[in-house]
Amino acid sequence: MKLFSLSKNERIKEKKNIQNLIQDGSSVFSSKNSLKAIYLIKDSNEPGVKIAVGISRKAGKAVWRNRIKRLIKNAYRLNKIPLVNSAKENNKQILILFTSSGYNEHKNKKLDYQEIVEEIKSVLDKIERKVSGKSK
């Protein structure tokens, strides 16, 4: 597996997994409350992290929604290594669903990639602390 890739195996595809995640998962917000992540940590023989990105239709037009999804996936892809290592060390599988809670096309015509990277980093850091048991 390549270090900075986001392969098919790292994405949540099954509807059942997404429904479990929404029903049983815990929520965490980014530092500026503009990004929400619903996550589920479970013991597994196949440790690792799987993600999905969901943006509401009310957030804006398809072009804008696809851009924010692409930026979130790219920011995750480049900052996932500490979380993946923590999951493998603790023998856990982590499912994460990223949603935008503060981003929409009307408020944010131009999306700043650096801002999204900071939001992703803060969310991943909070989840990593939960996995390793170092809750603040």
N, C-alpha and C. Protein backbone atom coordinates (compact mmCIF):
# COMPACT_ATOMS: atom_id res chain seq x y z
N MET A 1 0.84 -1.19 0.00
CA MET A 1 0.00 0.00 0.00
C MET A 1 0.88 1.25 0.00
N LYS A 2 0.57 2.19 -0.86
CA LYS A 2 1.32 3.43 -0.92
C LYS A 2 1.00 4.29 0.29
N LEU A 3 1.98 5.06 0.70
CA LEU A 3 1.88 5.82 1.93
C LEU A 3 0.83 6.93 1.87
N PHE A 4 0.83 7.71 0.79
CA PHE A 4 -0.07 8.87 0.71
C PHE A 4 -1.21 8.66 -0.27
N SER A 5 -1.67 7.43 -0.40
CA SER A 5 -2.77 7.16 -1.33
C SER A 5 -4.08 7.03 -0.55
N LEU A 6 -5.15 6.97 -1.28
CA LEU A 6 -6.46 6.70 -0.70
C LEU A 6 -7.11 5.63 -1.57
N SER A 7 -6.75 4.38 -1.28
CA SER A 7 -7.16 3.27 -2.13
C SER A 7 -8.62 2.88 -1.86
N LYS A 8 -9.10 1.96 -2.68
CA LYS A 8 -10.47 1.46 -2.54
C LYS A 8 -10.69 0.82 -1.18
N ASN A 9 -9.66 0.15 -0.67
CA ASN A 9 -9.76 -0.53 0.63
C ASN A 9 -9.88 0.45 1.78
N GLU A 10 -9.53 1.70 1.56
CA GLU A 10 -9.58 2.70 2.62
C GLU A 10 -10.86 3.53 2.59
N ARG A 11 -11.81 3.16 1.75
CA ARG A 11 -13.07 3.90 1.65
C ARG A 11 -14.21 3.04 2.16
N ILE A 12 -15.18 3.67 2.76
CA ILE A 12 -16.39 2.97 3.20
C ILE A 12 -17.34 2.94 2.02
N LYS A 13 -17.69 1.76 1.58
CA LYS A 13 -18.56 1.62 0.41
C LYS A 13 -19.92 1.03 0.77
N GLU A 14 -19.95 0.12 1.75
CA GLU A 14 -21.18 -0.60 2.05
C GLU A 14 -22.18 0.29 2.79
N LYS A 15 -23.42 0.22 2.37
CA LYS A 15 -24.49 1.00 2.99
C LYS A 15 -24.65 0.61 4.46
N LYS A 16 -24.48 -0.69 4.75
CA LYS A 16 -24.62 -1.20 6.12
C LYS A 16 -23.60 -0.54 7.05
N ASN A 17 -22.35 -0.41 6.59
CA ASN A 17 -21.31 0.23 7.40
C ASN A 17 -21.63 1.70 7.66
N ILE A 18 -22.14 2.38 6.66
CA ILE A 18 -22.48 3.80 6.83
C ILE A 18 -23.64 3.95 7.81
N GLN A 19 -24.64 3.08 7.72
CA GLN A 19 -25.76 3.14 8.65
C GLN A 19 -25.31 2.85 10.08
N ASN A 20 -24.45 1.84 10.26
CA ASN A 20 -23.89 1.55 11.59
C ASN A 20 -23.13 2.74 12.13
N LEU A 21 -22.37 3.36 11.27
CA LEU A 21 -21.56 4.51 11.67
C LEU A 21 -22.45 5.65 12.15
N ILE A 22 -23.51 5.93 11.43
CA ILE A 22 -24.40 7.03 11.80
C ILE A 22 -25.16 6.70 13.09
N GLN A 23 -25.61 5.45 13.25
CA GLN A 23 -26.38 5.08 14.43
C GLN A 23 -25.52 4.94 15.68
N ASP A 24 -24.38 4.28 15.57
CA ASP A 24 -23.58 3.94 16.75
C ASP A 24 -22.34 4.81 16.94
N GLY A 25 -22.03 5.66 15.97
CA GLY A 25 -20.79 6.42 16.02
C GLY A 25 -20.84 7.61 16.95
N SER A 26 -19.67 8.12 17.27
CA SER A 26 -19.52 9.33 18.09
C SER A 26 -19.14 10.48 17.16
N SER A 27 -19.51 11.69 17.56
CA SER A 27 -19.21 12.86 16.75
C SER A 27 -18.07 13.66 17.35
N VAL A 28 -17.30 14.27 16.48
CA VAL A 28 -16.26 15.19 16.91
C VAL A 28 -16.23 16.33 15.89
N PHE A 29 -16.07 17.55 16.41
CA PHE A 29 -16.03 18.72 15.54
C PHE A 29 -14.61 19.24 15.45
N SER A 30 -14.32 19.92 14.35
CA SER A 30 -13.00 20.52 14.18
C SER A 30 -12.87 21.74 15.08
N SER A 31 -11.70 22.34 15.06
CA SER A 31 -11.42 23.46 15.96
C SER A 31 -12.35 24.65 15.72
N LYS A 32 -12.74 24.90 14.48
CA LYS A 32 -13.63 26.03 14.18
C LYS A 32 -15.08 25.60 13.97
N ASN A 33 -15.39 24.35 14.30
CA ASN A 33 -16.74 23.78 14.16
C ASN A 33 -17.27 23.82 12.73
N SER A 34 -16.40 23.86 11.74
CA SER A 34 -16.87 23.88 10.36
C SER A 34 -16.83 22.50 9.72
N LEU A 35 -16.21 21.54 10.40
CA LEU A 35 -16.13 20.18 9.88
C LEU A 35 -16.53 19.22 11.00
N LYS A 36 -17.38 18.27 10.67
CA LYS A 36 -17.84 17.28 11.64
C LYS A 36 -17.40 15.91 11.17
N ALA A 37 -16.95 15.09 12.10
CA ALA A 37 -16.59 13.71 11.77
C ALA A 37 -17.35 12.78 12.70
N ILE A 38 -18.01 11.81 12.13
CA ILE A 38 -18.66 10.76 12.90
C ILE A 38 -17.74 9.55 12.78
N TYR A 39 -17.34 9.01 13.92
CA TYR A 39 -16.37 7.91 13.87
C TYR A 39 -16.82 6.76 14.75
N LEU A 40 -16.34 5.58 14.40
CA LEU A 40 -16.64 4.36 15.14
C LEU A 40 -15.34 3.58 15.25
N ILE A 41 -14.97 3.25 16.48
CA ILE A 41 -13.74 2.50 16.73
C ILE A 41 -14.14 1.10 17.18
N LYS A 42 -13.60 0.09 16.49
CA LYS A 42 -13.91 -1.27 16.90
C LYS A 42 -12.66 -2.14 16.80
N ASP A 43 -12.62 -3.18 17.65
CA ASP A 43 -11.52 -4.14 17.60
C ASP A 43 -11.64 -4.95 16.32
N SER A 44 -10.50 -5.26 15.72
CA SER A 44 -10.56 -5.96 14.44
C SER A 44 -9.29 -6.74 14.17
N ASN A 45 -9.43 -7.80 13.36
CA ASN A 45 -8.26 -8.53 12.88
C ASN A 45 -7.60 -7.75 11.75
N GLU A 46 -8.36 -6.87 11.12
CA GLU A 46 -7.86 -6.04 10.02
C GLU A 46 -7.82 -4.59 10.47
N PRO A 47 -6.80 -4.20 11.25
CA PRO A 47 -6.75 -2.82 11.72
C PRO A 47 -6.49 -1.85 10.58
N GLY A 48 -6.98 -0.65 10.74
CA GLY A 48 -6.79 0.38 9.73
C GLY A 48 -7.88 1.43 9.85
N VAL A 49 -7.91 2.31 8.87
CA VAL A 49 -8.87 3.41 8.87
C VAL A 49 -9.61 3.40 7.54
N LYS A 50 -10.93 3.54 7.59
CA LYS A 50 -11.75 3.67 6.39
C LYS A 50 -12.54 4.96 6.51
N ILE A 51 -12.66 5.69 5.41
CA ILE A 51 -13.37 6.96 5.45
C ILE A 51 -14.44 7.06 4.37
N ALA A 52 -15.34 8.00 4.59
CA ALA A 52 -16.33 8.42 3.60
C ALA A 52 -16.52 9.91 3.79
N VAL A 53 -16.91 10.60 2.74
CA VAL A 53 -17.17 12.03 2.82
C VAL A 53 -18.59 12.26 2.32
N GLY A 54 -19.39 12.94 3.13
CA GLY A 54 -20.77 13.23 2.76
C GLY A 54 -21.06 14.71 2.91
N ILE A 55 -21.53 15.33 1.85
CA ILE A 55 -21.87 16.74 1.87
C ILE A 55 -23.34 16.88 1.47
N SER A 56 -24.10 17.61 2.27
CA SER A 56 -25.53 17.79 2.03
C SER A 56 -25.79 18.53 0.73
N ARG A 57 -26.89 18.20 0.08
CA ARG A 57 -27.27 18.91 -1.14
C ARG A 57 -27.57 20.37 -0.87
N LYS A 58 -27.97 20.66 0.36
CA LYS A 58 -28.28 22.04 0.73
C LYS A 58 -27.04 22.91 0.81
N ALA A 59 -25.86 22.29 0.82
CA ALA A 59 -24.61 23.04 0.96
C ALA A 59 -24.27 23.84 -0.28
N GLY A 60 -24.76 23.43 -1.43
CA GLY A 60 -24.45 24.19 -2.64
C GLY A 60 -24.61 23.34 -3.88
N LYS A 61 -24.20 23.90 -5.00
CA LYS A 61 -24.31 23.20 -6.27
C LYS A 61 -23.30 22.07 -6.34
N ALA A 62 -23.53 21.16 -7.28
CA ALA A 62 -22.71 19.94 -7.40
C ALA A 62 -21.23 20.25 -7.58
N VAL A 63 -20.91 21.26 -8.36
CA VAL A 63 -19.50 21.60 -8.59
C VAL A 63 -18.83 21.96 -7.27
N TRP A 64 -19.51 22.77 -6.46
CA TRP A 64 -18.96 23.20 -5.17
C TRP A 64 -18.86 22.01 -4.21
N ARG A 65 -19.90 21.17 -4.16
CA ARG A 65 -19.87 20.00 -3.28
C ARG A 65 -18.76 19.03 -3.67
N ASN A 66 -18.58 18.81 -4.96
CA ASN A 66 -17.51 17.91 -5.41
C ASN A 66 -16.13 18.48 -5.07
N ARG A 67 -15.98 19.79 -5.17
CA ARG A 67 -14.69 20.41 -4.83
C ARG A 67 -14.38 20.23 -3.35
N ILE A 68 -15.35 20.48 -2.48
CA ILE A 68 -15.07 20.34 -1.05
C ILE A 68 -14.80 18.88 -0.70
N LYS A 69 -15.50 17.94 -1.34
CA LYS A 69 -15.22 16.52 -1.10
C LYS A 69 -13.80 16.18 -1.52
N ARG A 70 -13.38 16.69 -2.67
CA ARG A 70 -12.03 16.44 -3.16
C ARG A 70 -10.98 17.03 -2.22
N LEU A 71 -11.22 18.24 -1.73
CA LEU A 71 -10.27 18.88 -0.81
C LEU A 71 -10.19 18.13 0.52
N ILE A 72 -11.32 17.66 1.04
CA ILE A 72 -11.32 16.90 2.29
C ILE A 72 -10.57 15.59 2.12
N LYS A 73 -10.84 14.88 1.02
CA LYS A 73 -10.14 13.61 0.77
C LYS A 73 -8.64 13.83 0.64
N ASN A 74 -8.25 14.88 -0.06
CA ASN A 74 -6.83 15.16 -0.26
C ASN A 74 -6.16 15.54 1.05
N ALA A 75 -6.81 16.36 1.86
CA ALA A 75 -6.25 16.75 3.16
C ALA A 75 -6.12 15.53 4.07
N TYR A 76 -7.10 14.65 4.05
CA TYR A 76 -7.02 13.43 4.86
C TYR A 76 -5.87 12.55 4.38
N ARG A 77 -5.78 12.37 3.07
CA ARG A 77 -4.78 11.50 2.47
C ARG A 77 -3.37 11.91 2.88
N LEU A 78 -3.12 13.20 2.97
CA LEU A 78 -1.79 13.69 3.30
C LEU A 78 -1.51 13.73 4.80
N ASN A 79 -2.54 13.60 5.64
CA ASN A 79 -2.37 13.72 7.09
C ASN A 79 -2.84 12.50 7.87
N LYS A 80 -3.04 11.38 7.20
CA LYS A 80 -3.62 10.20 7.83
C LYS A 80 -2.61 9.33 8.58
N ILE A 81 -1.33 9.47 8.33
CA ILE A 81 -0.33 8.51 8.81
C ILE A 81 -0.33 8.31 10.32
N PRO A 82 -0.34 9.37 11.15
CA PRO A 82 -0.36 9.12 12.61
C PRO A 82 -1.58 8.32 13.07
N LEU A 83 -2.74 8.61 12.49
CA LEU A 83 -3.97 7.90 12.87
C LEU A 83 -3.92 6.43 12.43
N VAL A 84 -3.44 6.18 11.24
CA VAL A 84 -3.34 4.80 10.74
C VAL A 84 -2.37 4.00 11.59
N ASN A 85 -1.23 4.61 11.94
CA ASN A 85 -0.24 3.92 12.79
C ASN A 85 -0.83 3.62 14.16
N SER A 86 -1.56 4.57 14.73
CA SER A 86 -2.17 4.38 16.04
C SER A 86 -3.21 3.25 15.99
N ALA A 87 -3.99 3.20 14.91
CA ALA A 87 -5.00 2.14 14.76
C ALA A 87 -4.33 0.77 14.67
N LYS A 88 -3.23 0.70 13.93
CA LYS A 88 -2.54 -0.58 13.78
C LYS A 88 -1.87 -1.02 15.08
N GLU A 89 -1.29 -0.06 15.82
CA GLU A 89 -0.65 -0.39 17.10
C GLU A 89 -1.66 -0.93 18.10
N ASN A 90 -2.85 -0.34 18.13
CA ASN A 90 -3.88 -0.72 19.09
C ASN A 90 -4.84 -1.78 18.56
N ASN A 91 -4.58 -2.29 17.35
CA ASN A 91 -5.39 -3.34 16.74
C ASN A 91 -6.86 -2.93 16.62
N LYS A 92 -7.11 -1.74 16.11
CA LYS A 92 -8.46 -1.19 15.97
C LYS A 92 -8.75 -0.89 14.51
N GLN A 93 -10.03 -0.97 14.17
CA GLN A 93 -10.47 -0.48 12.88
C GLN A 93 -11.31 0.76 13.15
N ILE A 94 -11.01 1.82 12.43
CA ILE A 94 -11.70 3.10 12.62
C ILE A 94 -12.46 3.43 11.35
N LEU A 95 -13.74 3.70 11.49
CA LEU A 95 -14.57 4.16 10.38
C LEU A 95 -14.88 5.63 10.63
N ILE A 96 -14.66 6.47 9.63
CA ILE A 96 -14.88 7.91 9.78
C ILE A 96 -15.74 8.42 8.63
N LEU A 97 -16.76 9.21 8.98
CA LEU A 97 -17.58 9.90 7.99
C LEU A 97 -17.39 11.39 8.20
N PHE A 98 -16.80 12.06 7.22
CA PHE A 98 -16.61 13.51 7.30
C PHE A 98 -17.81 14.20 6.67
N THR A 99 -18.36 15.19 7.38
CA THR A 99 -19.45 16.01 6.84
C THR A 99 -19.12 17.47 7.11
N SER A 100 -19.70 18.34 6.32
CA SER A 100 -19.44 19.76 6.55
C SER A 100 -20.56 20.31 7.41
N SER A 101 -20.19 20.90 8.53
CA SER A 101 -21.23 21.48 9.39
C SER A 101 -21.24 23.00 9.27
N GLY A 102 -20.16 23.59 8.81
CA GLY A 102 -20.10 25.04 8.71
C GLY A 102 -19.79 25.54 7.33
N TYR A 103 -19.52 24.63 6.41
CA TYR A 103 -19.20 25.04 5.04
C TYR A 103 -20.45 24.96 4.19
N ASN A 104 -20.72 26.03 3.46
CA ASN A 104 -21.72 25.98 2.40
C ASN A 104 -21.35 27.02 1.35
N GLU A 105 -21.92 26.87 0.19
CA GLU A 105 -21.53 27.70 -0.94
C GLU A 105 -21.85 29.17 -0.72
N HIS A 106 -22.89 29.45 0.05
CA HIS A 106 -23.29 30.84 0.26
C HIS A 106 -22.32 31.58 1.17
N LYS A 107 -21.84 30.90 2.22
CA LYS A 107 -20.88 31.52 3.15
C LYS A 107 -19.46 31.47 2.63
N ASN A 108 -19.12 30.40 1.95
CA ASN A 108 -17.74 30.15 1.53
C ASN A 108 -17.67 29.97 0.02
N LYS A 109 -17.74 31.08 -0.71
CA LYS A 109 -17.65 30.98 -2.17
C LYS A 109 -16.32 30.37 -2.57
N LYS A 110 -15.25 30.88 -1.97
CA LYS A 110 -13.90 30.36 -2.24
C LYS A 110 -13.49 29.51 -1.06
N LEU A 111 -13.06 28.30 -1.34
CA LEU A 111 -12.60 27.40 -0.28
C LEU A 111 -11.10 27.52 -0.13
N ASP A 112 -10.64 27.69 1.09
CA ASP A 112 -9.22 27.79 1.36
C ASP A 112 -8.71 26.40 1.75
N TYR A 113 -7.82 25.85 0.94
CA TYR A 113 -7.30 24.50 1.18
C TYR A 113 -6.57 24.42 2.52
N GLN A 114 -5.80 25.44 2.86
CA GLN A 114 -5.04 25.42 4.13
C GLN A 114 -5.98 25.36 5.33
N GLU A 115 -7.10 26.04 5.24
CA GLU A 115 -8.09 26.02 6.33
C GLU A 115 -8.67 24.61 6.48
N ILE A 116 -8.96 23.97 5.37
CA ILE A 116 -9.50 22.60 5.41
C ILE A 116 -8.47 21.64 5.98
N VAL A 117 -7.20 21.82 5.61
CA VAL A 117 -6.13 20.97 6.15
C VAL A 117 -6.06 21.11 7.67
N GLU A 118 -6.14 22.33 8.17
CA GLU A 118 -6.09 22.55 9.63
C GLU A 118 -7.29 21.90 10.31
N GLU A 119 -8.46 21.99 9.70
CA GLU A 119 -9.66 21.39 10.27
C GLU A 119 -9.53 19.86 10.31
N ILE A 120 -9.04 19.28 9.23
CA ILE A 120 -8.84 17.82 9.16
C ILE A 120 -7.82 17.38 10.21
N LYS A 121 -6.73 18.14 10.33
CA LYS A 121 -5.70 17.79 11.32
C LYS A 121 -6.27 17.79 12.73
N SER A 122 -7.10 18.78 13.05
CA SER A 122 -7.65 18.85 14.41
C SER A 122 -8.60 17.68 14.67
N VAL A 123 -9.40 17.31 13.68
CA VAL A 123 -10.32 16.17 13.83
C VAL A 123 -9.54 14.87 13.98
N LEU A 124 -8.55 14.66 13.12
CA LEU A 124 -7.76 13.43 13.18
C LEU A 124 -7.00 13.32 14.50
N ASP A 125 -6.52 14.45 15.00
CA ASP A 125 -5.81 14.46 16.28
C ASP A 125 -6.74 14.05 17.42
N LYS A 126 -7.96 14.56 17.42
CA LYS A 126 -8.93 14.20 18.46
C LYS A 126 -9.28 12.71 18.40
N ILE A 127 -9.46 12.19 17.20
CA ILE A 127 -9.78 10.77 17.06
C ILE A 127 -8.60 9.91 17.47
N GLU A 128 -7.40 10.34 17.10
CA GLU A 128 -6.19 9.58 17.48
C GLU A 128 -6.04 9.49 18.99
N ARG A 129 -6.35 10.59 19.69
CA ARG A 129 -6.28 10.57 21.15
C ARG A 129 -7.28 9.58 21.74
N LYS A 130 -8.46 9.47 21.14
CA LYS A 130 -9.46 8.50 21.61
C LYS A 130 -8.97 7.07 21.40
N VAL A 131 -8.34 6.82 20.26
CA VAL A 131 -7.86 5.47 19.94
C VAL A 131 -6.74 5.05 20.89
N SER A 132 -5.81 5.96 21.12
CA SER A 132 -4.66 5.61 21.96
C SER A 132 -4.98 5.74 23.45
N GLY A 133 -6.16 6.25 23.79
CA GLY A 133 -6.56 6.35 25.19
C GLY A 133 -6.03 7.57 25.91
N LYS A 134 -5.56 8.56 25.16
CA LYS A 134 -5.02 9.78 25.76
C LYS A 134 -6.04 10.91 25.65
N SER A 135 -7.23 10.71 26.15
CA SER A 135 -8.29 11.72 26.06
C SER A 135 -7.95 12.95 26.87
N LYS A 136 -8.28 14.11 26.31
CA LYS A 136 -8.06 15.37 27.01
C LYS A 136 -9.31 15.77 27.75
